[in-house]
Protein backbone atom coordinates (compact mmCIF):
# COMPACT_ATOMS: atom_id res chain seq x y z
CA MET A 1 10.95 -22.47 39.72
CA THR A 2 10.96 -25.59 37.58
CA ASP A 3 8.07 -27.94 36.94
CA SER A 4 8.82 -31.33 38.49
CA LYS A 5 6.69 -32.96 35.79
CA ALA A 6 8.64 -31.44 32.92
CA PRO A 7 10.07 -34.01 30.52
CA PRO A 8 13.75 -34.86 30.88
CA VAL A 9 15.74 -33.22 28.09
CA GLU A 10 18.30 -36.00 27.89
CA ASN A 11 15.75 -38.78 27.35
CA ILE A 12 16.39 -40.83 24.24
CA SER A 13 12.69 -40.69 23.34
CA GLY A 14 12.33 -37.01 24.05
CA ARG A 15 9.51 -36.33 21.63
CA GLN A 16 7.34 -38.97 23.28
CA GLU A 17 8.17 -37.61 26.73
CA VAL A 18 7.17 -34.09 25.67
CA ALA A 19 3.98 -35.50 24.16
CA ARG A 20 3.14 -37.58 27.27
CA TRP A 21 3.79 -34.55 29.46
CA GLU A 22 1.41 -32.56 27.22
CA HIS A 23 -1.21 -35.33 27.38
CA ARG A 24 -1.08 -35.23 31.22
CA THR A 25 -0.91 -31.48 31.73
CA ARG A 26 -2.11 -29.77 28.52
CA LYS A 27 0.45 -27.03 29.34
CA LEU A 28 1.63 -26.59 25.75
CA SER A 29 -1.94 -26.34 24.53
CA LYS A 30 -2.63 -23.72 27.22
CA ALA A 31 0.60 -21.84 26.46
CA PHE A 32 -0.15 -21.72 22.74
CA ARG A 33 -3.87 -21.25 23.44
CA SER A 34 -4.68 -24.07 21.03
CA PRO A 35 -3.84 -27.79 20.87
CA TYR A 36 -3.43 -27.40 17.12
CA LEU A 37 -0.94 -24.57 17.37
CA ALA A 38 0.96 -26.48 20.07
CA CYS A 39 1.04 -29.63 17.93
CA TYR A 40 2.15 -27.66 14.84
CA SER A 41 4.91 -26.04 16.89
CA LEU A 42 6.12 -29.39 18.23
CA GLY A 43 5.96 -30.77 14.66
CA ALA A 44 8.00 -27.86 13.35
CA ALA A 45 10.61 -28.44 16.08
CA ILE A 46 10.76 -32.14 15.23
CA LEU A 47 11.16 -31.33 11.52
CA LEU A 48 13.99 -28.87 12.23
CA LEU A 49 15.74 -31.42 14.47
CA ASN A 50 15.35 -34.05 11.72
CA ILE A 51 16.98 -31.68 9.21
CA LEU A 52 19.85 -31.14 11.65
CA ARG A 53 20.16 -34.91 12.20
CA SER A 54 20.26 -35.54 8.45
CA HIS A 55 22.88 -32.84 7.96
CA CYS A 56 25.06 -34.26 10.74
CA PHE A 57 24.56 -37.78 9.36
CA THR A 58 25.71 -36.61 5.90
CA GLN A 59 28.69 -34.66 7.26
CA ALA A 60 29.80 -37.64 9.32
CA MET A 61 29.63 -39.93 6.26
CA LEU A 62 31.44 -37.56 3.97
CA SER A 63 34.26 -36.91 6.43
CA GLN A 64 35.12 -40.62 6.74
CA PRO A 65 36.78 -43.04 4.32
CA LYS A 66 34.62 -45.07 1.92
CA MET A 67 34.10 -48.81 2.10
CA GLU A 68 35.66 -50.09 -1.14
CA SER A 69 33.32 -53.12 -1.36
CA LEU A 70 30.31 -50.78 -1.50
CA ASP A 71 31.84 -48.32 -3.92
CA ASN A 72 30.34 -49.76 -7.11
CA PRO A 73 27.34 -49.12 -9.41
CA THR A 74 25.34 -52.13 -8.11
CA ALA A 75 25.57 -50.98 -4.50
CA TYR A 76 24.72 -47.44 -5.59
CA CYS A 77 21.57 -48.67 -7.36
CA LEU A 78 20.61 -50.71 -4.25
CA GLY A 79 21.03 -47.58 -2.12
CA LEU A 80 18.93 -45.61 -4.57
CA ALA A 81 16.19 -48.25 -4.47
CA LEU A 82 16.20 -48.18 -0.65
CA LEU A 83 15.94 -44.41 -0.76
CA GLY A 84 12.99 -44.65 -3.11
CA ILE A 85 11.22 -47.28 -0.98
CA GLY A 86 11.92 -45.35 2.23
CA SER A 87 10.68 -42.09 0.77
CA THR A 88 7.54 -43.81 -0.46
CA PHE A 89 6.81 -45.11 3.04
CA VAL A 90 7.59 -41.77 4.73
CA LEU A 91 5.58 -39.62 2.30
CA SER A 92 2.60 -41.98 2.04
CA SER A 93 2.50 -42.24 5.87
CA PHE A 94 2.47 -38.48 6.12
CA PHE A 95 -0.34 -38.16 3.57
CA ALA A 96 -2.39 -40.90 5.31
CA LEU A 97 -1.96 -39.40 8.79
CA GLY A 98 -1.80 -35.68 8.02
CA PHE A 99 0.40 -33.29 9.97
CA THR A 100 -1.25 -33.74 13.35
CA GLY A 101 -1.41 -37.52 12.95
CA THR A 102 2.25 -37.64 12.08
CA PHE A 103 3.43 -35.31 14.82
CA LEU A 104 1.70 -36.80 17.88
CA GLY A 105 -1.55 -34.86 17.64
CA ASP A 106 -3.34 -37.58 19.59
CA TYR A 107 -1.26 -36.58 22.62
CA PHE A 108 -2.71 -33.09 22.24
CA GLY A 109 -6.25 -34.47 22.14
CA ILE A 110 -6.43 -34.25 18.32
CA LEU A 111 -7.66 -37.76 17.58
CA MET A 112 -8.29 -39.42 14.30
CA GLU A 113 -11.69 -41.04 13.74
CA ALA A 114 -10.18 -44.51 13.37
CA ARG A 115 -6.86 -46.26 13.02
CA VAL A 116 -5.38 -45.82 9.55
CA THR A 117 -5.21 -49.18 7.73
CA THR A 118 -4.60 -48.03 4.16
CA PHE A 119 -1.24 -48.03 2.42
CA PRO A 120 1.42 -48.08 3.79
CA PHE A 121 -0.04 -49.19 7.11
CA ASN A 122 -1.48 -52.30 5.48
CA ILE A 123 2.07 -53.30 4.53
CA LEU A 124 3.89 -52.80 7.84
CA ASP A 125 3.52 -51.15 11.22
CA ASN A 126 5.34 -47.86 11.75
CA PRO A 127 6.10 -47.23 8.06
CA MET A 128 7.39 -43.74 8.77
CA TYR A 129 10.06 -45.02 11.15
CA TRP A 130 11.08 -47.90 8.90
CA GLY A 131 10.93 -45.73 5.79
CA SER A 132 13.21 -43.19 7.43
CA THR A 133 15.62 -45.98 8.42
CA ALA A 134 15.57 -47.24 4.81
CA ASN A 135 16.39 -43.71 3.67
CA TYR A 136 19.45 -43.55 5.94
CA LEU A 137 20.54 -47.03 4.90
CA GLY A 138 20.14 -46.16 1.22
CA TRP A 139 22.04 -42.91 1.68
CA ALA A 140 24.86 -44.78 3.49
CA ILE A 141 25.13 -47.44 0.76
CA MET A 142 25.04 -44.81 -2.02
CA HIS A 143 28.01 -43.10 -0.32
CA ALA A 144 29.75 -46.42 0.45
CA SER A 145 30.01 -45.25 4.03
CA PRO A 146 30.74 -47.58 6.92
CA THR A 147 30.09 -44.62 9.23
CA GLY A 148 26.69 -44.19 7.58
CA LEU A 149 25.92 -47.89 8.09
CA LEU A 150 26.80 -47.63 11.77
CA LEU A 151 24.73 -44.45 12.20
CA THR A 152 21.81 -46.16 10.43
CA VAL A 153 21.92 -48.91 13.04
CA VAL A 154 21.83 -46.23 15.77
CA VAL A 155 18.84 -44.50 14.13
CA GLY A 156 17.06 -47.87 13.79
CA LEU A 157 17.65 -48.71 17.45
CA ILE A 158 16.35 -45.30 18.52
CA TYR A 159 13.22 -45.88 16.47
CA ILE A 160 12.74 -49.30 18.10
CA VAL A 161 12.89 -47.58 21.53
CA ALA A 162 10.48 -44.89 20.30
CA ILE A 163 8.03 -47.53 19.11
CA GLN A 164 8.16 -49.23 22.52
CA TYR A 165 7.18 -45.97 24.16
CA GLU A 166 4.72 -44.69 21.57
CA GLU A 167 2.57 -47.64 20.59
CA PRO A 168 1.21 -48.69 24.01
CA PHE A 169 0.54 -45.09 25.03
CA THR A 170 -1.23 -44.30 21.75
CA ALA A 171 -3.31 -47.46 22.11
CA GLN A 172 -4.26 -46.33 25.64
CA ILE A 173 -5.39 -42.91 24.32
CA TYR A 174 -7.67 -44.53 21.72
CA GLN A 175 -8.99 -47.06 24.25
CA GLN A 176 -9.98 -44.10 26.44
CA LYS A 177 -11.68 -42.48 23.41
CA ALA A 178 -13.61 -45.67 22.66
CA SER A 179 -14.58 -46.06 26.30
CA LEU A 180 -15.90 -42.47 26.42
CA SER A 181 -17.78 -42.94 23.14
CA HIS A 182 -19.32 -46.18 24.44
CA LYS A 183 -20.44 -44.50 27.68
CA ARG A 184 -22.08 -41.67 25.74
CA SER A 185 -24.13 -43.97 23.54
C-alpha cells in the first residue's frame, strides 16, 4: 500500500517536496527515531546526488567539442575566478548554517535561533545556490564548453524554481515559531 501523501519522485524540486512531506507528517523522523538522524540522512542523499550531478556535468562537457572563443588563458582565468567566488559562497554558507541549516533541518523541526545575516547572507540571498551556479559556470568556461554553459543555465533555472518553493515555506515555518514563542511569553 502506498502513502497518498508521499512526495512525487519526478518533481523538479524533489528535495523540497520530501522536506515538506516530512514537515507535515514527521514520518522520516519517526522512521529514523530522530529528526537529526533523518535530516543527516536526507543531507547525505542530497550530497551523493550532487556528486553524481557534478560527475555527469563534467562527463557531458568533456564528451563534447570545445568552444574556440573560450579556449584561451583569459577565459580560463575568468572561469577559475568564478570557481573561487562560487566556492567561497558555498563553503561560507555551509559554515554559517551548519549541516542541518544547509540540508533543510527546519523542515524536520530543527530550527535556528534567528535568521543568518552574516557573510555571505549579507551580500546576497541564497548564496549557496548562486555559489553553486557560479561553480558550474566557472567549470564550463575553464573547459571552454558550450554544453557546460547550457547545463549551467539548466542548473540555474532549477535553483530559481527551488527558491520559489523553499523561501515562502521556510518563512512560514519561522513565522509559526515566532507566533508560538509570542504566545508562550
